[in-house]
PDB file of N, CA and C in Angstrom:
ATOM      1  N   MET A   1     -63.229 130.702 144.485  1.00  0.00           N
ATOM      2  CA  MET A   1     -62.128 130.276 144.873  1.00  0.00           C
ATOM      3  C   MET A   1     -60.968 131.434 144.511  1.00  0.00           C
ATOM      4  N   LYS A   2     -61.473 132.233 143.359  1.00  0.00           N
ATOM      5  CA  LYS A   2     -60.429 133.371 142.986  1.00  0.00           C
ATOM      6  C   LYS A   2     -60.405 134.312 144.216  1.00  0.00           C
ATOM      7  N   SER A   3     -61.194 134.616 144.867  1.00  0.00           N
ATOM      8  CA  SER A   3     -61.264 135.554 146.068  1.00  0.00           C
ATOM      9  C   SER A   3     -60.319 134.819 147.105  1.00  0.00           C
ATOM     10  N   PHE A   4     -60.353 133.508 147.432  1.00  0.00           N
ATOM     11  CA  PHE A   4     -59.425 133.067 148.333  1.00  0.00           C
ATOM     12  C   PHE A   4     -58.165 133.357 148.084  1.00  0.00           C
ATOM     13  N   ARG A   5     -57.701 133.060 146.594  1.00  0.00           N
ATOM     14  CA  ARG A   5     -56.187 133.337 146.167  1.00  0.00           C
ATOM     15  C   ARG A   5     -55.957 134.804 146.459  1.00  0.00           C
ATOM     16  N   ILE A   6     -56.747 135.637 146.190  1.00  0.00           N
ATOM     17  CA  ILE A   6     -56.414 137.093 146.465  1.00  0.00           C
ATOM     18  C   ILE A   6     -56.256 137.443 147.964  1.00  0.00           C
ATOM     19  N   ILE A   7     -56.970 136.772 149.027  1.00  0.00           N
ATOM     20  CA  ILE A   7     -56.743 136.973 150.317  1.00  0.00           C
ATOM     21  C   ILE A   7     -55.447 136.406 150.807  1.00  0.00           C
ATOM     22  N   ILE A   8     -55.128 135.319 150.191  1.00  0.00           N
ATOM     23  CA  ILE A   8     -53.738 134.752 150.565  1.00  0.00           C
ATOM     24  C   ILE A   8     -52.587 135.527 149.921  1.00  0.00           C
ATOM     25  N   LEU A   9     -52.745 136.189 148.849  1.00  0.00           N
ATOM     26  CA  LEU A   9     -51.721 137.187 148.153  1.00  0.00           C
ATOM     27  C   LEU A   9     -51.732 138.501 149.021  1.00  0.00           C
ATOM     28  N   THR A  10     -52.816 138.801 149.269  1.00  0.00           N
ATOM     29  CA  THR A  10     -52.975 140.211 150.155  1.00  0.00           C
ATOM     30  C   THR A  10     -52.223 139.832 151.319  1.00  0.00           C
ATOM     31  N   LYS A  11     -52.257 138.942 152.070  1.00  0.00           N
ATOM     32  CA  LYS A  11     -51.618 138.568 153.246  1.00  0.00           C
ATOM     33  C   LYS A  11     -50.341 138.470 153.285  1.00  0.00           C
ATOM     34  N   ILE A  12     -49.814 137.835 151.918  1.00  0.00           N
ATOM     35  CA  ILE A  12     -48.296 137.676 151.744  1.00  0.00           C
ATOM     36  C   ILE A  12     -47.670 139.243 151.610  1.00  0.00           C
ATOM     37  N   LEU A  13     -48.512 139.925 150.772  1.00  0.00           N
ATOM     38  CA  LEU A  13     -47.915 141.293 150.370  1.00  0.00           C
ATOM     39  C   LEU A  13     -47.980 142.082 151.668  1.00  0.00           C
ATOM     40  N   LEU A  14     -49.118 142.145 152.479  1.00  0.00           N
ATOM     41  CA  LEU A  14     -48.929 142.629 153.821  1.00  0.00           C
ATOM     42  C   LEU A  14     -47.647 142.639 154.782  1.00  0.00           C
ATOM     43  N   LEU A  15     -47.409 141.064 154.783  1.00  0.00           N
ATOM     44  CA  LEU A  15     -46.189 140.723 155.325  1.00  0.00           C
ATOM     45  C   LEU A  15     -45.163 141.427 154.948  1.00  0.00           C
ATOM     46  N   SER A  16     -45.019 141.446 153.572  1.00  0.00           N
ATOM     47  CA  SER A  16     -43.610 142.085 152.752  1.00  0.00           C
ATOM     48  C   SER A  16     -43.549 143.496 152.952  1.00  0.00           C
ATOM     49  N   VAL A  17     -44.665 144.217 153.011  1.00  0.00           N
ATOM     50  CA  VAL A  17     -44.596 145.654 153.340  1.00  0.00           C
ATOM     51  C   VAL A  17     -44.360 146.269 154.619  1.00  0.00           C
ATOM     52  N   SER A  18     -44.642 145.200 155.525  1.00  0.00           N
ATOM     53  CA  SER A  18     -44.371 145.512 156.919  1.00  0.00           C
ATOM     54  C   SER A  18     -43.379 144.444 157.500  1.00  0.00           C
ATOM     55  N   VAL A  19     -42.317 144.553 156.950  1.00  0.00           N
ATOM     56  CA  VAL A  19     -41.022 143.669 157.031  1.00  0.00           C
ATOM     57  C   VAL A  19     -40.256 144.008 158.310  1.00  0.00           C
ATOM     58  N   PHE A  20     -40.201 142.987 159.222  1.00  0.00           N
ATOM     59  CA  PHE A  20     -39.638 143.009 160.549  1.00  0.00           C
ATOM     60  C   PHE A  20     -38.388 142.061 160.374  1.00  0.00           C
ATOM     61  N   ALA A  21     -37.322 142.443 160.790  1.00  0.00           N
ATOM     62  CA  ALA A  21     -35.915 141.820 160.629  1.00  0.00           C
ATOM     63  C   ALA A  21     -34.814 142.180 161.481  1.00  0.00           C
ATOM     64  N   ILE A  22     -34.044 141.487 161.931  1.00  0.00           N
ATOM     65  CA  ILE A  22     -32.645 141.689 162.466  1.00  0.00           C
ATOM     66  C   ILE A  22     -31.567 141.496 161.634  1.00  0.00           C
ATOM     67  N   ALA A  23     -31.649 140.252 160.996  1.00  0.00           N
ATOM     68  CA  ALA A  23     -30.700 140.044 160.163  1.00  0.00           C
ATOM     69  C   ALA A  23     -31.099 139.176 158.973  1.00  0.00           C
ATOM     70  N   PRO A  24     -30.488 139.158 157.598  1.00  0.00           N
ATOM     71  CA  PRO A  24     -31.311 138.100 156.859  1.00  0.00           C
ATOM     72  C   PRO A  24     -30.963 136.614 157.099  1.00  0.00           C
ATOM     73  N   CYS A  25     -31.967 135.882 156.829  1.00  0.00           N
ATOM     74  CA  CYS A  25     -31.656 134.551 156.776  1.00  0.00           C
ATOM     75  C   CYS A  25     -31.398 133.883 155.324  1.00  0.00           C
ATOM     76  N   ASP A  26     -30.226 133.288 155.500  1.00  0.00           N
ATOM     77  CA  ASP A  26     -29.888 132.881 153.898  1.00  0.00           C
ATOM     78  C   ASP A  26     -29.561 131.376 153.863  1.00  0.00           C
ATOM     79  N   VAL A  27     -29.960 130.681 154.673  1.00  0.00           N
ATOM     80  CA  VAL A  27     -30.144 129.091 154.546  1.00  0.00           C
ATOM     81  C   VAL A  27     -31.520 128.721 154.930  1.00  0.00           C
ATOM     82  N   PRO A  28     -32.154 127.684 154.220  1.00  0.00           N
ATOM     83  CA  PRO A  28     -33.400 127.135 154.825  1.00  0.00           C
ATOM     84  C   PRO A  28     -33.621 126.586 156.033  1.00  0.00           C
ATOM     85  N   THR A  29     -33.407 127.034 157.093  1.00  0.00           N
ATOM     86  CA  THR A  29     -33.555 126.336 158.378  1.00  0.00           C
ATOM     87  C   THR A  29     -34.848 126.861 159.252  1.00  0.00           C
ATOM     88  N   ASP A  30     -35.160 126.440 160.325  1.00  0.00           N
ATOM     89  CA  ASP A  30     -36.411 126.821 160.918  1.00  0.00           C
ATOM     90  C   ASP A  30     -36.543 128.323 161.022  1.00  0.00           C
ATOM     91  N   GLN A  31     -35.302 128.799 161.308  1.00  0.00           N
ATOM     92  CA  GLN A  31     -35.192 130.262 161.398  1.00  0.00           C
ATOM     93  C   GLN A  31     -36.052 131.079 160.595  1.00  0.00           C
ATOM     94  N   CYS A  32     -35.749 130.712 159.335  1.00  0.00           N
ATOM     95  CA  CYS A  32     -36.400 131.092 158.040  1.00  0.00           C
ATOM     96  C   CYS A  32     -37.927 130.771 157.738  1.00  0.00           C
ATOM     97  N   LYS A  33     -38.564 129.839 158.578  1.00  0.00           N
ATOM     98  CA  LYS A  33     -39.922 129.536 158.383  1.00  0.00           C
ATOM     99  C   LYS A  33     -40.779 130.297 159.257  1.00  0.00           C
ATOM    100  N   GLY A  34     -41.858 130.456 158.533  1.00  0.00           N
ATOM    101  CA  GLY A  34     -43.062 131.185 159.469  1.00  0.00           C
ATOM    102  C   GLY A  34     -44.560 130.561 159.053  1.00  0.00           C
ATOM    103  N   THR A  35     -45.381 130.937 159.745  1.00  0.00           N
ATOM    104  CA  THR A  35     -46.666 130.318 159.407  1.00  0.00           C
ATOM    105  C   THR A  35     -47.587 131.779 159.531  1.00  0.00           C
ATOM    106  N   ILE A  36     -48.572 131.856 158.635  1.00  0.00           N
ATOM    107  CA  ILE A  36     -49.445 133.097 158.526  1.00  0.00           C
ATOM    108  C   ILE A  36     -50.914 132.275 158.557  1.00  0.00           C
ATOM    109  N   GLU A  37     -51.737 132.819 159.357  1.00  0.00           N
ATOM    110  CA  GLU A  37     -53.409 132.395 159.314  1.00  0.00           C
ATOM    111  C   GLU A  37     -54.022 133.529 158.224  1.00  0.00           C
ATOM    112  N   VAL A  38     -54.557 132.688 157.180  1.00  0.00           N
ATOM    113  CA  VAL A  38     -55.251 133.640 156.170  1.00  0.00           C
ATOM    114  C   VAL A  38     -56.613 133.822 156.363  1.00  0.00           C
ATOM    115  N   VAL A  39     -57.233 132.713 156.840  1.00  0.00           N
ATOM    116  CA  VAL A  39     -58.479 132.644 157.383  1.00  0.00           C
ATOM    117  C   VAL A  39     -58.706 132.021 158.578  1.00  0.00           C
ATOM    118  N   PRO A  40     -59.845 132.184 159.415  1.00  0.00           N
ATOM    119  CA  PRO A  40     -59.911 131.286 160.798  1.00  0.00           C
ATOM    120  C   PRO A  40     -59.506 129.930 160.511  1.00  0.00           C
ATOM    121  N   ASN A  41     -58.678 129.588 161.274  1.00  0.00           N
ATOM    122  CA  ASN A  41     -58.260 127.884 161.220  1.00  0.00           C
ATOM    123  C   ASN A  41     -57.718 127.487 159.725  1.00  0.00           C
ATOM    124  N   GLY A  42     -57.010 128.506 159.193  1.00  0.00           N
ATOM    125  CA  GLY A  42     -56.556 128.515 157.813  1.00  0.00           C
ATOM    126  C   GLY A  42     -55.179 129.009 157.609  1.00  0.00           C
ATOM    127  N   LYS A  43     -54.149 128.190 157.803  1.00  0.00           N
ATOM    128  CA  LYS A  43     -52.842 128.688 158.062  1.00  0.00           C
ATOM    129  C   LYS A  43     -52.057 128.026 156.818  1.00  0.00           C
ATOM    130  N   PHE A  44     -50.891 128.771 156.401  1.00  0.00           N
ATOM    131  CA  PHE A  44     -49.819 127.961 155.732  1.00  0.00           C
ATOM    132  C   PHE A  44     -48.445 128.469 155.897  1.00  0.00           C
ATOM    133  N   ASN A  45     -47.596 127.680 155.690  1.00  0.00           N
ATOM    134  CA  ASN A  45     -46.108 127.965 156.168  1.00  0.00           C
ATOM    135  C   ASN A  45     -45.517 128.753 154.739  1.00  0.00           C
ATOM    136  N   TYR A  46     -44.352 129.500 154.962  1.00  0.00           N
ATOM    137  CA  TYR A  46     -43.750 130.022 154.276  1.00  0.00           C
ATOM    138  C   TYR A  46     -42.192 130.098 154.659  1.00  0.00           C
ATOM    139  N   TYR A  47     -41.239 130.387 153.727  1.00  0.00           N
ATOM    140  CA  TYR A  47     -39.948 130.550 153.913  1.00  0.00           C
ATOM    141  C   TYR A  47     -39.670 132.407 153.610  1.00  0.00           C
ATOM    142  N   SER A  48     -38.847 132.736 154.628  1.00  0.00           N
ATOM    143  CA  SER A  48     -38.510 134.159 154.149  1.00  0.00           C
ATOM    144  C   SER A  48     -37.055 134.573 154.783  1.00  0.00           C
ATOM    145  N   THR A  49     -36.463 135.558 153.929  1.00  0.00           N
ATOM    146  CA  THR A  49     -35.055 135.680 154.355  1.00  0.00           C
ATOM    147  C   THR A  49     -35.001 136.668 155.469  1.00  0.00           C
ATOM    148  N   PHE A  50     -36.193 137.387 155.891  1.00  0.00           N
ATOM    149  CA  PHE A  50     -36.243 138.225 157.074  1.00  0.00           C
ATOM    150  C   PHE A  50     -37.227 137.503 158.044  1.00  0.00           C
ATOM    151  N   ASN A  51     -36.883 137.923 159.418  1.00  0.00           N
ATOM    152  CA  ASN A  51     -37.670 137.529 160.472  1.00  0.00           C
ATOM    153  C   ASN A  51     -38.637 138.771 160.814  1.00  0.00           C
ATOM    154  N   TYR A  52     -39.735 138.509 161.441  1.00  0.00           N
ATOM    155  CA  TYR A  52     -40.627 139.635 161.722  1.00  0.00           C
ATOM    156  C   TYR A  52     -40.845 139.976 163.068  1.00  0.00           C
ATOM    157  N   SER A  53     -39.714 140.233 163.575  1.00  0.00           N
ATOM    158  CA  SER A  53     -39.703 140.615 164.943  1.00  0.00           C
ATOM    159  C   SER A  53     -39.338 142.111 165.222  1.00  0.00           C
ATOM    160  N   THR A  54     -38.580 142.325 164.453  1.00  0.00           N
ATOM    161  CA  THR A  54     -38.311 143.934 164.514  1.00  0.00           C
ATOM    162  C   THR A  54     -38.448 144.740 163.356  1.00  0.00           C
ATOM    163  N   PRO A  55     -39.110 145.897 163.442  1.00  0.00           N
ATOM    164  CA  PRO A  55     -39.079 146.610 161.961  1.00  0.00           C
ATOM    165  C   PRO A  55     -37.896 146.850 161.263  1.00  0.00           C
ATOM    166  N   ASN A  56     -37.994 146.832 160.070  1.00  0.00           N
ATOM    167  CA  ASN A  56     -36.802 146.911 159.199  1.00  0.00           C
ATOM    168  C   ASN A  56     -37.165 147.769 158.090  1.00  0.00           C
ATOM    169  N   PRO A  57     -37.083 149.099 158.186  1.00  0.00           N
ATOM    170  CA  PRO A  57     -37.257 150.010 156.963  1.00  0.00           C
ATOM    171  C   PRO A  57     -36.273 149.892 155.814  1.00  0.00           C
ATOM    172  N   GLU A  58     -35.171 149.113 156.049  1.00  0.00           N
ATOM    173  CA  GLU A  58     -34.024 148.963 155.131  1.00  0.00           C
ATOM    174  C   GLU A  58     -34.632 148.194 153.872  1.00  0.00           C
ATOM    175  N   VAL A  59     -35.484 147.231 154.097  1.00  0.00           N
ATOM    176  CA  VAL A  59     -35.769 146.548 152.774  1.00  0.00           C
ATOM    177  C   VAL A  59     -36.541 147.363 152.123  1.00  0.00           C
ATOM    178  N   THR A  60     -36.084 147.172 150.568  1.00  0.00           N
ATOM    179  CA  THR A  60     -36.462 147.895 149.553  1.00  0.00           C
ATOM    180  C   THR A  60     -36.913 147.207 148.451  1.00  0.00           C
ATOM    181  N   THR A  61     -36.561 146.008 148.295  1.00  0.00           N
ATOM    182  CA  THR A  61     -36.726 144.923 147.275  1.00  0.00           C
ATOM    183  C   THR A  61     -37.622 143.601 147.777  1.00  0.00           C
ATOM    184  N   VAL A  62     -38.547 143.203 147.247  1.00  0.00           N
ATOM    185  CA  VAL A  62     -39.388 142.183 147.607  1.00  0.00           C
ATOM    186  C   VAL A  62     -39.254 141.143 146.329  1.00  0.00           C
ATOM    187  N   VAL A  63     -39.050 139.905 146.723  1.00  0.00           N
ATOM    188  CA  VAL A  63     -39.153 138.987 145.580  1.00  0.00           C
ATOM    189  C   VAL A  63     -40.101 137.863 146.104  1.00  0.00           C
ATOM    190  N   LEU A  64     -41.212 137.602 145.474  1.00  0.00           N
ATOM    191  CA  LEU A  64     -42.383 136.763 145.974  1.00  0.00           C
ATOM    192  C   LEU A  64     -42.207 135.569 145.128  1.00  0.00           C
ATOM    193  N   VAL A  65     -42.090 134.293 145.565  1.00  0.00           N
ATOM    194  CA  VAL A  65     -41.933 133.216 144.730  1.00  0.00           C
ATOM    195  C   VAL A  65     -43.102 132.214 144.896  1.00  0.00           C
ATOM    196  N   VAL A  66     -43.716 131.691 143.725  1.00  0.00           N
ATOM    197  CA  VAL A  66     -44.642 130.507 144.077  1.00  0.00           C
ATOM    198  C   VAL A  66     -44.213 129.266 143.610  1.00  0.00           C
ATOM    199  N   HIS A  67     -44.030 128.333 144.332  1.00  0.00           N
ATOM    200  CA  HIS A  67     -43.387 127.192 143.923  1.00  0.00           C
ATOM    201  C   HIS A  67     -44.381 126.263 143.108  1.00  0.00           C
ATOM    202  N   GLY A  68     -43.709 125.352 142.219  1.00  0.00           N
ATOM    203  CA  GLY A  68     -44.379 124.557 141.320  1.00  0.00           C
ATOM    204  C   GLY A  68     -44.938 123.223 142.209  1.00  0.00           C
ATOM    205  N   LEU A  69     -45.343 122.084 141.568  1.00  0.00           N
ATOM    206  CA  LEU A  69     -46.108 120.801 141.790  1.00  0.00           C
ATOM    207  C   LEU A  69     -45.348 120.180 142.790  1.00  0.00           C
ATOM    208  N   ASN A  70     -43.750 120.188 142.726  1.00  0.00           N
ATOM    209  CA  ASN A  70     -42.878 119.558 143.656  1.00  0.00           C
ATOM    210  C   ASN A  70     -42.909 120.067 144.933  1.00  0.00           C
ATOM    211  N   ARG A  71     -43.389 121.232 145.139  1.00  0.00           N
ATOM    212  CA  ARG A  71     -43.225 121.696 146.318  1.00  0.00           C
ATOM    213  C   ARG A  71     -41.924 121.692 147.028  1.00  0.00           C
ATOM    214  N   VAL A  72     -40.788 121.657 146.637  1.00  0.00           N
ATOM    215  CA  VAL A  72     -39.495 121.654 147.270  1.00  0.00           C
ATOM    216  C   VAL A  72     -39.134 123.177 147.930  1.00  0.00           C
ATOM    217  N   VAL A  73     -39.779 123.642 148.524  1.00  0.00           N
ATOM    218  CA  VAL A  73     -39.590 125.070 148.976  1.00  0.00           C
ATOM    219  C   VAL A  73     -38.077 125.254 149.402  1.00  0.00           C
ATOM    220  N   PRO A  74     -37.481 124.386 150.210  1.00  0.00           N
ATOM    221  CA  PRO A  74     -36.241 124.702 150.651  1.00  0.00           C
ATOM    222  C   PRO A  74     -35.109 124.762 149.714  1.00  0.00           C
ATOM    223  N   ASP A  75     -35.177 123.918 148.538  1.00  0.00           N
ATOM    224  CA  ASP A  75     -34.438 123.948 147.602  1.00  0.00           C
ATOM    225  C   ASP A  75     -34.559 125.203 146.726  1.00  0.00           C
ATOM    226  N   ILE A  76     -35.748 125.643 146.322  1.00  0.00           N
ATOM    227  CA  ILE A  76     -36.081 126.849 145.884  1.00  0.00           C
ATOM    228  C   ILE A  76     -35.662 128.140 146.534  1.00  0.00           C
ATOM    229  N   PHE A  77     -35.754 128.011 147.954  1.00  0.00           N
ATOM    230  CA  PHE A  77     -35.393 128.928 148.710  1.00  0.00           C
ATOM    231  C   PHE A  77     -33.839 129.368 148.475  1.00  0.00           C
ATOM    232  N   ASN A  78     -32.989 128.390 148.539  1.00  0.00           N
ATOM    233  CA  ASN A  78     -31.567 128.246 148.147  1.00  0.00           C
ATOM    234  C   ASN A  78     -31.393 128.767 146.945  1.00  0.00           C
ATOM    235  N   GLN A  79     -32.051 128.439 145.789  1.00  0.00           N
ATOM    236  CA  GLN A  79     -31.881 129.070 144.457  1.00  0.00           C
ATOM    237  C   GLN A  79     -32.125 130.309 144.422  1.00  0.00           C
ATOM    238  N   MET A  80     -33.090 130.987 145.015  1.00  0.00           N
ATOM    239  CA  MET A  80     -33.418 132.201 144.971  1.00  0.00           C
ATOM    240  C   MET A  80     -32.291 133.091 145.583  1.00  0.00           C
ATOM    241  N   ILE A  81     -31.844 132.615 146.795  1.00  0.00           N
ATOM    242  CA  ILE A  81     -30.730 133.239 147.599  1.00  0.00           C
ATOM    243  C   ILE A  81     -29.518 133.497 146.552  1.00  0.00           C
ATOM    244  N   GLU A  82     -29.153 132.404 145.854  1.00  0.00           N
ATOM    245  CA  GLU A  82     -28.087 132.452 145.022  1.00  0.00           C
ATOM    246  C   GLU A  82     -28.267 133.349 143.726  1.00  0.00           C
ATOM    247  N   LEU A  83     -29.606 133.395 143.434  1.00  0.00           N
ATOM    248  CA  LEU A  83     -29.896 133.955 142.061  1.00  0.00           C
ATOM    249  C   LEU A  83     -29.642 135.873 142.593  1.00  0.00           C
ATOM    250  N   VAL A  84     -30.310 135.930 143.832  1.00  0.00           N
ATOM    251  CA  VAL A  84     -30.021 137.535 144.328  1.00  0.00           C
ATOM    252  C   VAL A  84     -28.628 137.943 144.512  1.00  0.00           C
ATOM    253  N   ARG A  85     -28.032 136.942 145.069  1.00  0.00           N
ATOM    254  CA  ARG A  85     -26.416 137.160 145.017  1.00  0.00           C
ATOM    255  C   ARG A  85     -25.915 137.386 143.707  1.00  0.00           C
ATOM    256  N   LYS A  86     -26.178 136.420 142.769  1.00  0.00           N
ATOM    257  CA  LYS A  86     -25.602 136.390 141.468  1.00  0.00           C
ATOM    258  C   LYS A  86     -25.958 137.630 140.767  1.00  0.00           C
ATOM    259  N   GLU A  87     -27.126 138.167 140.861  1.00  0.00           N
ATOM    260  CA  GLU A  87     -27.673 139.387 140.137  1.00  0.00           C
ATOM    261  C   GLU A  87     -27.292 140.644 140.878  1.00  0.00           C
ATOM    262  N   ALA A  88     -26.768 140.479 142.096  1.00  0.00           N
ATOM    263  CA  ALA A  88     -26.203 141.572 142.914  1.00  0.00           C
ATOM    264  C   ALA A  88     -27.312 142.288 143.334  1.00  0.00           C
ATOM    265  N   LEU A  89     -28.350 141.919 143.733  1.00  0.00           N
ATOM    266  CA  LEU A  89     -29.431 142.532 144.246  1.00  0.00           C
ATOM    267  C   LEU A  89     -29.120 143.082 145.653  1.00  0.00           C
ATOM    268  N   PRO A  90     -29.663 144.101 146.031  1.00  0.00           N
ATOM    269  CA  PRO A  90     -29.319 144.714 147.460  1.00  0.00           C
ATOM    270  C   PRO A  90     -29.645 143.558 148.777  1.00  0.00           C
ATOM    271  N   ALA A  91     -28.568 143.478 149.431  1.00  0.00           N
ATOM    272  CA  ALA A  91     -28.499 142.513 150.685  1.00  0.00           C
ATOM    273  C   ALA A  91     -29.776 142.534 151.317  1.00  0.00           C
ATOM    274  N   ASN A  92     -30.571 143.670 151.438  1.00  0.00           N
ATOM    275  CA  ASN A  92     -31.746 143.825 152.094  1.00  0.00           C
ATOM    276  C   ASN A  92     -33.029 143.674 151.221  1.00  0.00           C
ATOM    277  N   THR A  93     -32.785 142.416 150.190  1.00  0.00           N
ATOM    278  CA  THR A  93     -33.888 142.210 149.419  1.00  0.00           C
ATOM    279  C   THR A  93     -34.791 141.083 150.223  1.00  0.00           C
ATOM    280  N   LEU A  94     -35.927 141.326 150.284  1.00  0.00           N
ATOM    281  CA  LEU A  94     -36.968 140.216 151.020  1.00  0.00           C
ATOM    282  C   LEU A  94     -37.231 139.084 149.852  1.00  0.00           C
ATOM    283  N   ILE A  95     -36.935 137.868 150.196  1.00  0.00           N
ATOM    284  CA  ILE A  95     -37.486 136.776 149.463  1.00  0.00           C
ATOM    285  C   ILE A  95     -38.424 136.115 150.352  1.00  0.00           C
ATOM    286  N   ILE A  96     -39.794 135.968 149.810  1.00  0.00           N
ATOM    287  CA  ILE A  96     -40.666 135.130 150.817  1.00  0.00           C
ATOM    288  C   ILE A  96     -41.290 134.050 149.610  1.00  0.00           C
ATOM    289  N   ILE A  97     -41.325 132.848 150.011  1.00  0.00           N
ATOM    290  CA  ILE A  97     -41.965 131.536 149.187  1.00  0.00           C
ATOM    291  C   ILE A  97     -43.129 131.176 150.192  1.00  0.00           C
ATOM    292  N   PRO A  98     -44.424 131.151 149.944  1.00  0.00           N
ATOM    293  CA  PRO A  98     -45.309 130.512 150.451  1.00  0.00           C
ATOM    294  C   PRO A  98     -45.026 128.907 150.241  1.00  0.00           C
ATOM    295  N   HIS A  99     -45.498 128.094 150.999  1.00  0.00           N
ATOM    296  CA  HIS A  99     -45.483 126.574 150.952  1.00  0.00           C
ATOM    297  C   HIS A  99     -46.802 125.985 151.025  1.00  0.00           C
ATOM    298  N   PHE A 100     -47.319 125.927 150.096  1.00  0.00           N
ATOM    299  CA  PHE A 100     -48.698 125.190 149.866  1.00  0.00           C
ATOM    300  C   PHE A 100     -48.592 123.948 149.795  1.00  0.00           C
ATOM    301  N   LEU A 101     -49.155 123.400 150.914  1.00  0.00           N
ATOM    302  CA  LEU A 101     -49.186 121.991 151.067  1.00  0.00           C
ATOM    303  C   LEU A 101     -50.173 121.306 150.150  1.00  0.00           C
ATOM    304  N   ALA A 102     -49.878 119.872 149.949  1.00  0.00           N
ATOM    305  CA  ALA A 102     -50.906 119.116 149.209  1.00  0.00           C
ATOM    306  C   ALA A 102     -51.500 117.946 150.252  1.00  0.00           C
ATOM    307  N   ARG A 103     -52.439 117.554 150.104  1.00  0.00           N
ATOM    308  CA  ARG A 103     -53.111 116.468 150.775  1.00  0.00           C
ATOM    309  C   ARG A 103     -52.025 115.302 151.198  1.00  0.00           C
ATOM    310  N   ASP A 104     -51.358 114.960 150.160  1.00  0.00           N
ATOM    311  CA  ASP A 104     -50.137 114.010 150.214  1.00  0.00           C
ATOM    312  C   ASP A 104     -49.056 114.433 151.364  1.00  0.00           C
ATOM    313  N   ASP A 105     -49.010 115.630 151.734  1.00  0.00           N
ATOM    314  CA  ASP A 105     -48.042 115.970 152.844  1.00  0.00           C
ATOM    315  C   ASP A 105     -48.534 115.871 154.132  1.00  0.00           C
ATOM    316  N   LYS A 106     -49.785 115.351 154.289  1.00  0.00           N
ATOM    317  CA  LYS A 106     -50.271 115.386 155.687  1.00  0.00           C
ATOM    318  C   LYS A 106     -50.335 116.418 156.371  1.00  0.00           C
ATOM    319  N   PRO A 107     -51.010 117.337 156.145  1.00  0.00           N
ATOM    320  CA  PRO A 107     -50.951 118.510 156.830  1.00  0.00           C
ATOM    321  C   PRO A 107     -51.628 118.460 158.208  1.00  0.00           C
ATOM    322  N   ALA A 108     -51.229 119.334 159.338  1.00  0.00           N
ATOM    323  CA  ALA A 108     -52.102 119.452 160.329  1.00  0.00           C
ATOM    324  C   ALA A 108     -53.596 119.946 160.160  1.00  0.00           C
ATOM    325  N   ALA A 109     -54.391 119.769 161.117  1.00  0.00           N
ATOM    326  CA  ALA A 109     -55.906 120.197 160.820  1.00  0.00           C
ATOM    327  C   ALA A 109     -55.996 121.626 160.366  1.00  0.00           C
ATOM    328  N   GLU A 110     -55.321 122.348 161.036  1.00  0.00           N
ATOM    329  CA  GLU A 110     -55.348 123.934 160.798  1.00  0.00           C
ATOM    330  C   GLU A 110     -54.586 124.385 159.473  1.00  0.00           C
ATOM    331  N   MET A 111     -53.919 123.458 158.913  1.00  0.00           N
ATOM    332  CA  MET A 111     -53.241 124.172 157.783  1.00  0.00           C
ATOM    333  C   MET A 111     -54.086 123.854 156.195  1.00  0.00           C
ATOM    334  N   LEU A 112     -53.910 125.008 155.579  1.00  0.00           N
ATOM    335  CA  LEU A 112     -54.395 124.725 154.253  1.00  0.00           C
ATOM    336  C   LEU A 112     -53.722 123.728 153.478  1.00  0.00           C
ATOM    337  N   PHE A 113     -54.258 123.238 152.571  1.00  0.00           N
ATOM    338  CA  PHE A 113     -53.740 122.081 151.637  1.00  0.00           C
ATOM    339  C   PHE A 113     -54.896 122.090 150.240  1.00  0.00           C
ATOM    340  N   TRP A 114     -54.020 121.812 149.282  1.00  0.00           N
ATOM    341  CA  TRP A 114     -54.885 121.435 147.979  1.00  0.00           C
ATOM    342  C   TRP A 114     -54.654 120.120 147.610  1.00  0.00           C
ATOM    343  N   GLU A 115     -55.904 119.496 146.936  1.00  0.00           N
ATOM    344  CA  GLU A 115     -55.751 118.080 146.191  1.00  0.00           C
ATOM    345  C   GLU A 115     -54.676 118.252 145.340  1.00  0.00           C
ATOM    346  N   VAL A 116     -53.874 117.091 144.989  1.00  0.00           N
ATOM    347  CA  VAL A 116     -52.528 117.222 144.033  1.00  0.00           C
ATOM    348  C   VAL A 116     -52.973 117.925 142.874  1.00  0.00           C
ATOM    349  N   GLY A 117     -53.877 117.605 142.320  1.00  0.00           N
ATOM    350  CA  GLY A 117     -54.564 118.238 140.964  1.00  0.00           C
ATOM    351  C   GLY A 117     -55.284 119.232 140.996  1.00  0.00           C
ATOM    352  N   GLY A 118     -55.659 119.779 142.222  1.00  0.00           N
ATOM    353  CA  GLY A 118     -56.676 120.830 142.429  1.00  0.00           C
ATOM    354  C   GLY A 118     -55.960 121.973 142.978  1.00  0.00           C
ATOM    355  N   TRP A 119     -54.853 121.947 143.339  1.00  0.00           N
ATOM    356  CA  TRP A 119     -54.291 123.033 144.078  1.00  0.00           C
ATOM    357  C   TRP A 119     -54.168 124.399 143.190  1.00  0.00           C
ATOM    358  N   PRO A 120     -53.961 124.239 141.929  1.00  0.00           N
ATOM    359  CA  PRO A 120     -53.893 125.637 141.202  1.00  0.00           C
ATOM    360  C   PRO A 120     -55.027 126.249 140.950  1.00  0.00           C
ATOM    361  N   ILE A 121     -56.347 125.675 141.473  1.00  0.00           N
ATOM    362  CA  ILE A 121     -57.582 126.227 141.603  1.00  0.00           C
ATOM    363  C   ILE A 121     -58.152 126.409 142.774  1.00  0.00           C
ATOM    364  N   ALA A 122     -56.962 126.208 143.897  1.00  0.00           N
ATOM    365  CA  ALA A 122     -57.733 126.380 145.448  1.00  0.00           C
ATOM    366  C   ALA A 122     -58.675 125.736 145.741  1.00  0.00           C
ATOM    367  N   ASP A 123     -58.555 124.478 145.801  1.00  0.00           N
ATOM    368  CA  ASP A 123     -59.929 123.641 146.131  1.00  0.00           C
ATOM    369  C   ASP A 123     -60.200 123.464 147.432  1.00  0.00           C
ATOM    370  N   LYS A 124     -59.368 124.002 148.633  1.00  0.00           N
ATOM    371  CA  LYS A 124     -59.650 124.192 149.835  1.00  0.00           C
ATOM    372  C   LYS A 124     -59.499 125.573 150.653  1.00  0.00           C
TER     373      LYS A 124
END
């Protein structure tokens, strides 16, 4: 299971170092959501301040956030954007928050999910 977590984090980091963007997304809308396939038929969603459609070499700072048990990613996304502003980090800071679903979220068949008590150990 540890190798599965490494695969996920590697995919996230690869996204973050090859950032594509036109303008930052600073509110949790569908424009800020993306999906990444980490294994065949194994995807998860994420929120990000930048879109991946155009290369953006301007991004110099990456903030990777992993949510807790409550999985309220839009709220966490808002909080992180406010924190970046408050701390005066560059406007080209990439914030990326993977959204790890639980079985209770009733995920689609191709989406990765965790049992409520088992997600910390990557049980699927």
